[in-house]
């Protein structure tokens, strides 16, 4: 996974807002996943295919975070989503 990697959601996960948390449900494994502000925003951004660099740049505009930390956290979060088969990479 690098900054040019293109990311989008898998077709099947369902998501819903519950209070301040986004809950993602995978019918493939029957698991629920919860995430808050930044994770919700990333999930929103990958509704359409986008690059990791584009995600990072958008988050840098919207959140008070330095570039290195943002990049590291985006890759870590996307890696977790990939491990759970919730996203597609190309």
Protein backbone atom coordinates (compact mmCIF):
# COMPACT_ATOMS: atom_id res chain seq x y z
CA UNK A 1 0.00 0.00 0.00
CA UNK A 2 1.44 3.38 -1.04
CA UNK A 3 0.17 6.91 -1.64
CA UNK A 4 -0.84 6.09 -5.22
CA UNK A 5 -2.88 3.06 -4.20
CA UNK A 6 -6.53 3.48 -5.17
CA UNK A 7 -9.09 2.60 -2.50
CA UNK A 8 -12.83 2.03 -2.50
CA UNK A 9 -15.33 0.22 -0.31
CA UNK A 10 -16.29 -3.38 -0.96
CA UNK A 11 -19.83 -3.64 -2.31
CA UNK A 12 -21.41 -5.40 0.64
CA UNK A 13 -20.56 -3.66 3.92
CA UNK A 14 -23.47 -1.69 5.35
CA UNK A 15 -22.89 1.38 7.48
CA UNK A 16 -25.03 3.50 9.76
CA UNK A 17 -24.59 6.48 12.04
CA UNK A 18 -25.25 5.68 15.73
CA UNK A 19 -24.84 8.77 17.92
CA UNK A 20 -21.28 10.01 17.24
CA UNK A 21 -20.08 6.69 15.88
CA UNK A 22 -20.20 5.09 12.45
CA UNK A 23 -21.04 1.39 12.61
CA UNK A 24 -20.01 -0.79 9.68
CA UNK A 25 -21.51 -4.27 9.32
CA UNK A 26 -19.96 -7.00 7.19
CA UNK A 27 -22.40 -9.72 6.23
CA UNK A 28 -19.43 -11.80 5.00
CA UNK A 29 -18.16 -12.39 8.51
CA UNK A 30 -21.09 -11.16 10.63
CA UNK A 31 -18.93 -8.58 12.38
CA UNK A 32 -19.67 -4.99 13.37
CA UNK A 33 -16.96 -2.32 13.34
CA UNK A 34 -17.20 1.08 14.98
CA UNK A 35 -15.30 4.24 14.18
CA UNK A 36 -15.54 7.92 15.00
CA UNK A 37 -14.68 11.29 13.39
CA UNK A 38 -11.64 10.59 11.22
CA UNK A 39 -12.64 7.01 10.44
CA UNK A 40 -16.12 8.20 9.47
CA UNK A 41 -14.60 10.77 7.13
CA UNK A 42 -12.29 8.21 5.51
CA UNK A 43 -15.26 5.85 5.03
CA UNK A 44 -17.15 8.69 3.38
CA UNK A 45 -14.22 9.54 1.09
CA UNK A 46 -13.82 5.96 -0.13
CA UNK A 47 -17.43 5.70 -1.23
CA UNK A 48 -15.89 6.60 -4.61
CA UNK A 49 -12.48 5.27 -5.66
CA UNK A 50 -9.72 7.61 -4.49
CA UNK A 51 -6.00 7.45 -3.76
CA UNK A 52 -4.46 7.33 -0.33
CA UNK A 53 -2.73 10.64 -1.13
CA UNK A 54 -6.10 12.25 -1.91
CA UNK A 55 -7.53 10.96 1.38
CA UNK A 56 -4.52 12.31 3.28
CA UNK A 57 -4.74 15.70 1.58
CA UNK A 58 -8.45 16.05 2.32
CA UNK A 59 -7.95 15.15 5.99
CA UNK A 60 -5.10 17.65 6.27
CA UNK A 61 -7.54 20.35 5.13
CA UNK A 62 -10.26 19.28 7.57
CA UNK A 63 -8.41 18.21 10.75
CA UNK A 64 -5.64 19.70 12.86
CA UNK A 65 -2.95 17.08 12.23
CA UNK A 66 0.56 17.09 10.78
CA UNK A 67 1.24 15.44 7.41
CA UNK A 68 3.37 12.54 8.71
CA UNK A 69 0.91 11.57 11.45
CA UNK A 70 -2.04 11.86 9.08
CA UNK A 71 -0.39 9.67 6.46
CA UNK A 72 0.58 7.02 9.01
CA UNK A 73 -2.89 6.94 10.57
CA UNK A 74 -4.66 6.76 7.19
CA UNK A 75 -2.51 3.82 6.09
CA UNK A 76 -3.01 2.07 9.44
CA UNK A 77 -6.80 2.52 9.28
CA UNK A 78 -6.99 1.36 5.66
CA UNK A 79 -4.80 -1.64 6.49
CA UNK A 80 -7.28 -2.63 9.21
CA UNK A 81 -10.19 -2.26 6.77
CA UNK A 82 -8.32 -4.36 4.21
CA UNK A 83 -7.62 -7.10 6.76
CA UNK A 84 -11.37 -7.28 7.42
CA UNK A 85 -12.08 -7.32 3.65
CA UNK A 86 -14.11 -4.09 3.84
CA UNK A 87 -12.21 -2.27 1.06
CA UNK A 88 -10.75 -2.91 -2.39
CA UNK A 89 -7.27 -1.73 -3.38
CA UNK A 90 -5.90 -1.25 -6.88
